Amino acid sequence: MAKNLLPIPVQFAMLYGGLFITIVAGIAMLKGMNWGRFLYVIWSVVGFLIGFTTSPMKAAMIPGLVVFGIFTFFLFRPKANEYFSGKGIASDAQSI
């Protein structure tokens, strides 16, 4: 952390702020709220951009970028689009 261009307190603020945003996005996605997946994607892209511009170890970010790509792929598949449009929730509730 000391080799990063950002001061350590800023790094910790981003860490805890990002954790909070990710939890909020996750809860929103579990409830079928469309804005939750967009919040997750936008925050992740912002985090990766900041990381790639400030981190001295850019290669260490590649696995996280791959996982993010896989998550994003599944978040925007047709079944996921149906779930987040509200149609998937109603049909799931009727089958219970």
N, C-alpha and C. Protein backbone atom coordinates (compact mmCIF):
# COMPACT_ATOMS: atom_id res chain seq x y z
N MET A 1 0.82 -1.20 0.00
CA MET A 1 0.00 0.00 0.00
C MET A 1 0.86 1.26 0.00
N ALA A 2 2.02 1.16 0.61
CA ALA A 2 2.88 2.33 0.70
C ALA A 2 3.44 2.74 -0.67
N LYS A 3 3.53 1.79 -1.61
CA LYS A 3 4.07 2.09 -2.94
C LYS A 3 3.03 2.68 -3.88
N ASN A 4 1.77 2.68 -3.48
CA ASN A 4 0.70 3.23 -4.29
C ASN A 4 0.79 4.75 -4.31
N LEU A 5 0.33 5.35 -5.40
CA LEU A 5 0.36 6.81 -5.53
C LEU A 5 -0.64 7.51 -4.60
N LEU A 6 -1.70 6.81 -4.23
CA LEU A 6 -2.71 7.41 -3.34
C LEU A 6 -2.25 7.29 -1.89
N PRO A 7 -2.53 8.31 -1.09
CA PRO A 7 -2.20 8.22 0.35
C PRO A 7 -2.96 7.06 1.00
N ILE A 8 -2.37 6.48 2.02
CA ILE A 8 -2.95 5.32 2.68
C ILE A 8 -4.35 5.60 3.24
N PRO A 9 -4.61 6.75 3.87
CA PRO A 9 -5.99 7.00 4.34
C PRO A 9 -7.02 7.02 3.20
N VAL A 10 -6.62 7.52 2.04
CA VAL A 10 -7.53 7.52 0.88
C VAL A 10 -7.78 6.08 0.43
N GLN A 11 -6.76 5.26 0.46
CA GLN A 11 -6.91 3.86 0.08
C GLN A 11 -7.88 3.14 1.03
N PHE A 12 -7.74 3.39 2.32
CA PHE A 12 -8.66 2.77 3.28
C PHE A 12 -10.09 3.29 3.10
N ALA A 13 -10.25 4.58 2.82
CA ALA A 13 -11.58 5.14 2.59
C ALA A 13 -12.21 4.49 1.36
N MET A 14 -11.43 4.30 0.31
CA MET A 14 -11.95 3.66 -0.89
C MET A 14 -12.28 2.19 -0.63
N LEU A 15 -11.47 1.53 0.18
CA LEU A 15 -11.71 0.13 0.52
C LEU A 15 -13.04 -0.03 1.24
N TYR A 16 -13.24 0.75 2.31
CA TYR A 16 -14.47 0.63 3.08
C TYR A 16 -15.68 1.18 2.33
N GLY A 17 -15.49 2.26 1.59
CA GLY A 17 -16.59 2.79 0.77
C GLY A 17 -16.99 1.80 -0.31
N GLY A 18 -16.00 1.18 -0.94
CA GLY A 18 -16.28 0.19 -1.97
C GLY A 18 -16.97 -1.04 -1.41
N LEU A 19 -16.57 -1.45 -0.23
CA LEU A 19 -17.22 -2.59 0.42
C LEU A 19 -18.68 -2.28 0.70
N PHE A 20 -18.96 -1.07 1.20
CA PHE A 20 -20.33 -0.66 1.47
C PHE A 20 -21.16 -0.63 0.18
N ILE A 21 -20.60 -0.05 -0.87
CA ILE A 21 -21.31 0.04 -2.16
C ILE A 21 -21.58 -1.35 -2.71
N THR A 22 -20.61 -2.25 -2.60
CA THR A 22 -20.79 -3.61 -3.10
C THR A 22 -21.87 -4.36 -2.32
N ILE A 23 -21.92 -4.18 -1.02
CA ILE A 23 -22.96 -4.82 -0.21
C ILE A 23 -24.34 -4.28 -0.57
N VAL A 24 -24.44 -2.97 -0.72
CA VAL A 24 -25.72 -2.37 -1.12
C VAL A 24 -26.15 -2.90 -2.48
N ALA A 25 -25.22 -2.97 -3.42
CA ALA A 25 -25.53 -3.47 -4.76
C ALA A 25 -25.96 -4.94 -4.70
N GLY A 26 -25.29 -5.73 -3.88
CA GLY A 26 -25.64 -7.14 -3.74
C GLY A 26 -27.03 -7.34 -3.17
N ILE A 27 -27.36 -6.59 -2.15
CA ILE A 27 -28.70 -6.68 -1.55
C ILE A 27 -29.76 -6.25 -2.57
N ALA A 28 -29.46 -5.18 -3.30
CA ALA A 28 -30.41 -4.71 -4.32
C ALA A 28 -30.60 -5.76 -5.41
N MET A 29 -29.52 -6.41 -5.82
CA MET A 29 -29.64 -7.45 -6.84
C MET A 29 -30.45 -8.64 -6.34
N LEU A 30 -30.25 -9.03 -5.09
CA LEU A 30 -31.03 -10.13 -4.53
C LEU A 30 -32.52 -9.81 -4.47
N LYS A 31 -32.84 -8.54 -4.34
CA LYS A 31 -34.24 -8.12 -4.33
C LYS A 31 -34.78 -7.85 -5.73
N GLY A 32 -33.94 -8.07 -6.76
CA GLY A 32 -34.39 -7.89 -8.13
C GLY A 32 -34.40 -6.46 -8.62
N MET A 33 -33.70 -5.58 -7.93
CA MET A 33 -33.66 -4.17 -8.33
C MET A 33 -32.59 -3.97 -9.40
N ASN A 34 -33.02 -3.49 -10.55
CA ASN A 34 -32.15 -3.35 -11.70
C ASN A 34 -30.96 -2.42 -11.44
N TRP A 35 -31.18 -1.39 -10.65
CA TRP A 35 -30.10 -0.43 -10.41
C TRP A 35 -28.95 -1.06 -9.65
N GLY A 36 -29.19 -2.16 -8.94
CA GLY A 36 -28.14 -2.82 -8.17
C GLY A 36 -27.04 -3.38 -9.05
N ARG A 37 -27.42 -3.99 -10.17
CA ARG A 37 -26.38 -4.53 -11.05
C ARG A 37 -25.60 -3.42 -11.74
N PHE A 38 -26.28 -2.33 -12.08
CA PHE A 38 -25.57 -1.21 -12.69
C PHE A 38 -24.64 -0.54 -11.68
N LEU A 39 -25.07 -0.43 -10.43
CA LEU A 39 -24.21 0.12 -9.39
C LEU A 39 -22.96 -0.73 -9.23
N TYR A 40 -23.14 -2.06 -9.20
CA TYR A 40 -22.00 -2.97 -9.08
C TYR A 40 -21.02 -2.80 -10.24
N VAL A 41 -21.54 -2.77 -11.46
CA VAL A 41 -20.69 -2.67 -12.65
C VAL A 41 -19.97 -1.32 -12.68
N ILE A 42 -20.69 -0.25 -12.44
CA ILE A 42 -20.08 1.08 -12.50
C ILE A 42 -19.02 1.24 -11.42
N TRP A 43 -19.32 0.82 -10.20
CA TRP A 43 -18.33 0.95 -9.13
C TRP A 43 -17.11 0.09 -9.42
N SER A 44 -17.30 -1.09 -9.95
CA SER A 44 -16.17 -1.96 -10.27
C SER A 44 -15.30 -1.36 -11.35
N VAL A 45 -15.91 -0.80 -12.37
CA VAL A 45 -15.13 -0.17 -13.44
C VAL A 45 -14.35 1.01 -12.89
N VAL A 46 -14.98 1.82 -12.06
CA VAL A 46 -14.28 2.96 -11.45
C VAL A 46 -13.11 2.46 -10.61
N GLY A 47 -13.33 1.42 -9.83
CA GLY A 47 -12.27 0.86 -9.00
C GLY A 47 -11.11 0.32 -9.83
N PHE A 48 -11.42 -0.37 -10.92
CA PHE A 48 -10.35 -0.89 -11.78
C PHE A 48 -9.59 0.24 -12.47
N LEU A 49 -10.30 1.27 -12.90
CA LEU A 49 -9.61 2.40 -13.53
C LEU A 49 -8.66 3.09 -12.55
N ILE A 50 -9.12 3.31 -11.34
CA ILE A 50 -8.26 3.92 -10.33
C ILE A 50 -7.09 2.99 -10.01
N GLY A 51 -7.38 1.70 -9.90
CA GLY A 51 -6.33 0.74 -9.61
C GLY A 51 -5.27 0.67 -10.70
N PHE A 52 -5.71 0.64 -11.95
CA PHE A 52 -4.75 0.55 -13.04
C PHE A 52 -3.91 1.81 -13.19
N THR A 53 -4.47 2.96 -12.80
CA THR A 53 -3.70 4.19 -12.93
C THR A 53 -2.78 4.45 -11.75
N THR A 54 -3.09 3.87 -10.60
CA THR A 54 -2.28 4.17 -9.41
C THR A 54 -1.47 3.00 -8.87
N SER A 55 -1.84 1.79 -9.19
CA SER A 55 -1.18 0.63 -8.59
C SER A 55 0.17 0.34 -9.23
N PRO A 56 1.17 0.04 -8.41
CA PRO A 56 2.46 -0.35 -8.97
C PRO A 56 2.47 -1.81 -9.43
N MET A 57 1.45 -2.59 -9.03
CA MET A 57 1.38 -4.02 -9.38
C MET A 57 0.15 -4.27 -10.25
N LYS A 58 0.18 -3.80 -11.47
CA LYS A 58 -0.98 -3.91 -12.36
C LYS A 58 -1.32 -5.35 -12.71
N ALA A 59 -0.32 -6.21 -12.82
CA ALA A 59 -0.56 -7.61 -13.18
C ALA A 59 -1.38 -8.33 -12.11
N ALA A 60 -1.30 -7.89 -10.87
CA ALA A 60 -2.05 -8.53 -9.79
C ALA A 60 -3.55 -8.26 -9.91
N MET A 61 -3.93 -7.29 -10.73
CA MET A 61 -5.34 -6.96 -10.89
C MET A 61 -6.02 -7.80 -11.96
N ILE A 62 -5.26 -8.52 -12.75
CA ILE A 62 -5.83 -9.28 -13.87
C ILE A 62 -6.82 -10.35 -13.40
N PRO A 63 -6.52 -11.16 -12.38
CA PRO A 63 -7.52 -12.15 -11.95
C PRO A 63 -8.85 -11.51 -11.53
N GLY A 64 -8.80 -10.41 -10.82
CA GLY A 64 -10.03 -9.71 -10.43
C GLY A 64 -10.80 -9.19 -11.63
N LEU A 65 -10.07 -8.74 -12.63
CA LEU A 65 -10.70 -8.25 -13.86
C LEU A 65 -11.39 -9.40 -14.60
N VAL A 66 -10.79 -10.58 -14.60
CA VAL A 66 -11.40 -11.75 -15.24
C VAL A 66 -12.68 -12.15 -14.51
N VAL A 67 -12.63 -12.20 -13.18
CA VAL A 67 -13.81 -12.54 -12.39
C VAL A 67 -14.92 -11.51 -12.62
N PHE A 68 -14.55 -10.23 -12.65
CA PHE A 68 -15.52 -9.17 -12.92
C PHE A 68 -16.17 -9.37 -14.28
N GLY A 69 -15.39 -9.73 -15.28
CA GLY A 69 -15.93 -9.98 -16.62
C GLY A 69 -16.92 -11.13 -16.63
N ILE A 70 -16.62 -12.19 -15.89
CA ILE A 70 -17.53 -13.33 -15.81
C ILE A 70 -18.83 -12.93 -15.11
N PHE A 71 -18.72 -12.22 -13.98
CA PHE A 71 -19.92 -11.76 -13.27
C PHE A 71 -20.78 -10.87 -14.17
N THR A 72 -20.13 -9.95 -14.86
CA THR A 72 -20.86 -9.02 -15.73
C THR A 72 -21.56 -9.78 -16.85
N PHE A 73 -20.88 -10.77 -17.40
CA PHE A 73 -21.49 -11.59 -18.46
C PHE A 73 -22.80 -12.21 -17.97
N PHE A 74 -22.77 -12.80 -16.79
CA PHE A 74 -23.98 -13.45 -16.26
C PHE A 74 -25.03 -12.45 -15.79
N LEU A 75 -24.61 -11.27 -15.35
CA LEU A 75 -25.58 -10.27 -14.91
C LEU A 75 -26.42 -9.70 -16.04
N PHE A 76 -25.95 -9.83 -17.27
CA PHE A 76 -26.67 -9.24 -18.40
C PHE A 76 -27.12 -10.29 -19.42
N ARG A 77 -27.25 -11.54 -18.99
CA ARG A 77 -27.80 -12.59 -19.84
C ARG A 77 -29.32 -12.40 -19.92
N PRO A 78 -29.97 -13.01 -20.92
CA PRO A 78 -31.43 -12.83 -21.05
C PRO A 78 -32.22 -13.22 -19.81
N LYS A 79 -31.85 -14.33 -19.13
CA LYS A 79 -32.57 -14.73 -17.92
C LYS A 79 -32.40 -13.69 -16.81
N ALA A 80 -31.20 -13.13 -16.70
CA ALA A 80 -30.97 -12.09 -15.70
C ALA A 80 -31.76 -10.84 -16.04
N ASN A 81 -31.81 -10.48 -17.32
CA ASN A 81 -32.61 -9.32 -17.73
C ASN A 81 -34.07 -9.53 -17.37
N GLU A 82 -34.56 -10.76 -17.54
CA GLU A 82 -35.94 -11.07 -17.18
C GLU A 82 -36.14 -10.93 -15.67
N TYR A 83 -35.19 -11.44 -14.90
CA TYR A 83 -35.28 -11.34 -13.44
C TYR A 83 -35.30 -9.88 -12.98
N PHE A 84 -34.42 -9.07 -13.55
CA PHE A 84 -34.33 -7.68 -13.12
C PHE A 84 -35.45 -6.82 -13.70
N SER A 85 -36.17 -7.32 -14.70
CA SER A 85 -37.30 -6.55 -15.23
C SER A 85 -38.54 -6.73 -14.36
N GLY A 86 -38.50 -7.70 -13.44
CA GLY A 86 -39.63 -7.94 -12.55
C GLY A 86 -40.49 -9.10 -13.00
N LYS A 87 -40.31 -9.55 -14.24
CA LYS A 87 -41.12 -10.67 -14.76
C LYS A 87 -40.69 -11.99 -14.11
N GLY A 88 -39.40 -12.12 -13.86
CA GLY A 88 -38.89 -13.35 -13.26
C GLY A 88 -39.32 -13.51 -11.81
N ILE A 89 -39.46 -12.41 -11.10
CA ILE A 89 -39.85 -12.47 -9.69
C ILE A 89 -41.30 -12.92 -9.56
N ALA A 90 -42.18 -12.40 -10.40
CA ALA A 90 -43.59 -12.76 -10.31
C ALA A 90 -43.79 -14.23 -10.64
N SER A 91 -43.12 -14.73 -11.67
CA SER A 91 -43.30 -16.13 -12.06
C SER A 91 -42.68 -17.05 -11.01
N ASP A 92 -41.57 -16.63 -10.38
CA ASP A 92 -40.98 -17.44 -9.32
C ASP A 92 -41.89 -17.49 -8.10
N ALA A 93 -42.53 -16.39 -7.77
CA ALA A 93 -43.39 -16.34 -6.60
C ALA A 93 -44.63 -17.20 -6.81
N GLN A 94 -45.13 -17.29 -8.04
CA GLN A 94 -46.31 -18.09 -8.31
C GLN A 94 -46.00 -19.58 -8.24
N SER A 95 -44.77 -19.96 -8.52
CA SER A 95 -44.43 -21.39 -8.52
C SER A 95 -44.20 -21.91 -7.11
N ILE A 96 -44.13 -21.03 -6.12
CA ILE A 96 -43.87 -21.48 -4.73
C ILE A 96 -45.12 -21.92 -4.07
